[in-house]
Protein backbone atom coordinates (compact mmCIF):
# COMPACT_ATOMS: atom_id res chain seq x y z
CA UNK A 1 114.73 113.81 98.73
CA UNK A 2 115.32 112.81 102.31
CA UNK A 3 112.63 114.77 104.19
CA UNK A 4 109.76 113.95 101.81
CA UNK A 5 106.67 112.30 103.24
CA UNK A 6 105.95 108.89 101.75
CA UNK A 7 102.55 108.54 100.05
CA UNK A 8 99.78 106.58 101.77
CA UNK A 9 97.06 104.63 100.01
CA UNK A 10 93.61 104.45 101.55
CA UNK A 11 89.95 104.06 100.72
CA UNK A 12 87.73 106.95 99.67
CA UNK A 13 85.86 108.88 102.37
CA UNK A 14 82.76 111.02 101.75
CA UNK A 15 84.81 114.13 102.54
CA UNK A 16 87.22 113.31 99.66
CA UNK A 17 84.70 113.53 96.80
CA UNK A 18 85.22 117.20 95.80
CA UNK A 19 89.03 116.97 96.05
CA UNK A 20 89.04 113.73 94.09
CA UNK A 21 86.87 115.27 91.36
CA UNK A 22 89.37 118.17 91.06
CA UNK A 23 92.29 115.74 90.80
CA UNK A 24 90.53 113.83 88.02
CA UNK A 25 89.48 116.94 86.07
CA UNK A 26 92.94 118.50 86.36
CA UNK A 27 94.50 115.29 85.05
CA UNK A 28 91.99 115.09 82.19
CA UNK A 29 92.77 118.71 81.25
CA UNK A 30 96.50 118.01 81.07
CA UNK A 31 96.57 114.46 79.65
CA UNK A 32 93.40 114.16 77.57
CA UNK A 33 92.83 117.64 76.10
CA UNK A 34 95.90 117.41 73.82
CA UNK A 35 94.72 114.10 72.24
CA UNK A 36 90.92 114.21 72.39
CA UNK A 37 88.40 116.70 70.94
CA UNK A 38 86.50 119.01 73.35
CA UNK A 39 83.35 116.86 73.45
CA UNK A 40 85.41 113.81 74.43
CA UNK A 41 87.12 115.77 77.21
CA UNK A 42 83.65 116.81 78.46
CA UNK A 43 82.49 113.18 78.25
CA UNK A 44 85.39 112.05 80.45
CA UNK A 45 84.64 114.76 83.01
CA UNK A 46 80.95 113.77 83.07
CA UNK A 47 81.91 110.10 83.41
CA UNK A 48 83.87 111.03 86.54
CA UNK A 49 81.29 113.38 88.10
CA UNK A 50 80.82 113.39 91.89
CA UNK A 51 77.68 111.18 91.89
CA UNK A 52 79.50 108.57 89.77
CA UNK A 53 82.52 108.61 92.09
CA UNK A 54 80.16 108.13 95.04
CA UNK A 55 78.44 105.23 93.27
CA UNK A 56 81.79 103.52 92.58
CA UNK A 57 82.64 103.80 96.25
CA UNK A 58 79.29 102.26 97.17
CA UNK A 59 79.52 99.40 94.65
CA UNK A 60 83.23 98.67 94.90
CA UNK A 61 86.49 100.19 96.05
CA UNK A 62 87.89 103.62 95.32
CA UNK A 63 91.48 104.00 96.46
CA UNK A 64 93.32 107.28 96.95
CA UNK A 65 97.03 107.95 97.17
CA UNK A 66 97.73 110.83 99.51
CA UNK A 67 100.99 112.60 100.32
CA UNK A 68 101.32 115.31 102.98
CA UNK A 69 97.54 115.74 102.94
CA UNK A 70 97.26 116.12 99.15
CA UNK A 71 95.49 113.63 96.88
CA UNK A 72 97.93 112.63 94.16
CA UNK A 73 96.41 109.50 92.58
CA UNK A 74 93.28 107.36 92.49
CA UNK A 75 91.92 104.14 91.06
CA UNK A 76 88.65 102.20 91.31
CA UNK A 77 87.59 98.56 91.28
CA UNK A 78 83.99 97.45 90.79
CA UNK A 79 83.54 93.69 90.37
CA UNK A 80 86.12 92.70 87.71
CA UNK A 81 86.56 96.19 86.23
CA UNK A 82 89.38 98.58 87.09
CA UNK A 83 88.83 102.16 86.03
CA UNK A 84 89.29 105.81 86.94
CA UNK A 85 93.05 105.38 87.45
CA UNK A 86 94.53 108.88 87.49
CA UNK A 87 97.86 110.21 88.71
CA UNK A 88 98.24 113.95 89.18
CA UNK A 89 100.42 115.21 86.30
CA UNK A 90 103.23 116.46 88.55
CA UNK A 91 103.50 112.98 90.14
CA UNK A 92 103.38 110.89 86.96
CA UNK A 93 106.23 108.60 85.94
CA UNK A 94 107.17 107.92 89.57
CA UNK A 95 105.60 104.45 89.86
CA UNK A 96 102.38 105.52 91.59
CA UNK A 97 100.12 104.26 88.80
CA UNK A 98 101.91 100.92 88.67
CA UNK A 99 101.74 100.45 92.45
CA UNK A 100 98.08 101.49 92.53
CA UNK A 101 97.20 99.06 89.71
CA UNK A 102 99.02 96.28 91.57
CA UNK A 103 96.95 97.00 94.69
CA UNK A 104 93.68 97.07 92.69
CA UNK A 105 94.59 93.78 90.98
CA UNK A 106 95.48 92.21 94.34
CA UNK A 107 92.12 93.28 95.76
CA UNK A 108 90.33 91.88 92.70
CA UNK A 109 92.24 88.61 93.07
CA UNK A 110 91.39 88.43 96.78
CA UNK A 111 87.69 88.73 95.92
CA UNK A 112 87.91 85.81 93.47
CA UNK A 113 88.32 87.73 90.20
CA UNK A 114 90.45 85.74 87.73
CA UNK A 115 90.38 88.24 84.85
CA UNK A 116 90.39 92.02 85.10
CA UNK A 117 88.90 94.24 82.40
CA UNK A 118 89.26 97.94 81.73
CA UNK A 119 88.83 100.65 79.13
CA UNK A 120 92.02 102.19 77.79
CA UNK A 121 92.25 105.86 76.78
CA UNK A 122 94.60 107.14 74.08
CA UNK A 123 97.23 108.46 76.51
CA UNK A 124 97.22 105.33 78.71
CA UNK A 125 97.63 102.48 76.19
CA UNK A 126 101.40 101.99 76.64
CA UNK A 127 101.01 101.98 80.42
CA UNK A 128 98.36 99.25 80.42
CA UNK A 129 100.18 97.13 77.86
CA UNK A 130 103.30 97.36 80.04
CA UNK A 131 101.11 96.18 82.97
CA UNK A 132 100.21 93.04 80.97
CA UNK A 133 96.80 94.08 79.64
CA UNK A 134 95.83 92.73 76.23
CA UNK A 135 93.84 94.98 73.90
CA UNK A 136 90.80 92.97 72.82
CA UNK A 137 88.60 95.55 71.07
CA UNK A 138 88.94 98.97 69.46
CA UNK A 139 85.97 101.20 70.28
CA UNK A 140 84.74 104.59 69.15
CA UNK A 141 81.85 106.70 70.39
CA UNK A 142 80.30 109.34 68.12
CA UNK A 143 79.91 112.54 70.16
CA UNK A 144 78.36 114.65 67.40
CA UNK A 145 79.71 117.51 65.32
CA UNK A 146 82.33 115.18 63.84
CA UNK A 147 83.93 114.46 67.22
CA UNK A 148 84.70 110.96 68.45
CA UNK A 149 85.98 109.35 71.58
CA UNK A 150 88.35 106.53 70.63
CA UNK A 151 89.42 103.95 73.21
CA UNK A 152 90.09 100.23 73.64
CA UNK A 153 88.76 97.43 75.80
CA UNK A 154 91.47 95.36 77.46
CA UNK A 155 91.79 92.41 79.79
CA UNK A 156 94.37 90.67 81.92
CA UNK A 157 94.32 87.23 83.47
CA UNK A 158 94.94 87.55 87.19
CA UNK A 159 97.01 84.59 88.28
CA UNK A 160 97.07 83.78 92.00
CA UNK A 161 99.98 85.71 93.47
CA UNK A 162 100.06 86.10 97.26
CA UNK A 163 97.53 88.97 97.55
CA UNK A 164 98.70 91.88 99.70
CA UNK A 165 102.11 90.23 100.25
CA UNK A 166 102.78 90.86 96.56
CA UNK A 167 101.81 94.51 97.07
CA UNK A 168 104.60 94.81 99.65
CA UNK A 169 107.09 93.98 96.88
CA UNK A 170 105.61 96.81 94.81
CA UNK A 171 106.37 99.36 97.52
CA UNK A 172 103.39 98.97 99.87
CA UNK A 173 103.68 97.93 103.49
CA UNK A 174 100.82 97.40 105.95
CA UNK A 175 101.68 99.14 109.22
CA UNK A 176 100.27 97.38 112.28
CA UNK A 177 96.99 98.90 113.41
CA UNK A 178 96.64 101.33 110.50
CA UNK A 179 93.73 101.34 108.06
CA UNK A 180 95.61 102.57 104.99
CA UNK A 181 98.64 101.16 103.26
CA UNK A 182 101.92 103.05 102.96
CA UNK A 183 104.55 103.16 100.28
CA UNK A 184 107.79 101.57 101.42
CA UNK A 185 111.13 103.36 101.63
CA UNK A 186 112.20 102.20 98.18
CA UNK A 187 110.58 104.06 95.27
CA UNK A 188 108.20 101.93 93.19
CA UNK A 189 109.18 101.10 89.59
CA UNK A 190 108.79 103.77 86.91
CA UNK A 191 105.62 103.75 84.81
CA UNK A 192 105.33 104.44 81.12
CA UNK A 193 101.81 105.82 80.79
CA UNK A 194 99.35 108.35 82.09
CA UNK A 195 95.71 108.34 83.00
CA UNK A 196 92.95 105.86 82.27
CA UNK A 197 89.22 106.17 81.63
């Protein structure tokens, strides 16, 4: 598609919180509702409420992928933990999640993190395993009325790899004088999973 605007990646702004919350809830409704019971879906939505998004932005980094003014993906990094990686359902399987994870890992590496950890939801396991994450623990949370939230803990050793230069190979380029990063002209590699916790 020749006239399409390339997505930009940038940090969260206060004015993004409500739109980001909608993106996350819409993705949970599409990707999580078919595989989790209603109480688990509600748990995920509560876990990604506006005050929690704000807190992640204060404590770490919340990145947004935006295209033509629309938020289409997000991911967060706080200390050594990556979480809240969501790609809008109509933009999944286009490499956005993979490129966003690469950027989050590069930022973790640049801050001295040598091992990244995350929680893996049912619909995102294949994606994270393809990204090199090793499942280290199966977890389950009792939500009452016979409903459970099943997930895994995972980790990945972050080897030194050239920081943001490596991100350029994943489809990001840093334009001179611009705050955000942009996707390059070549589409990023395809991803094999969906959303994360």
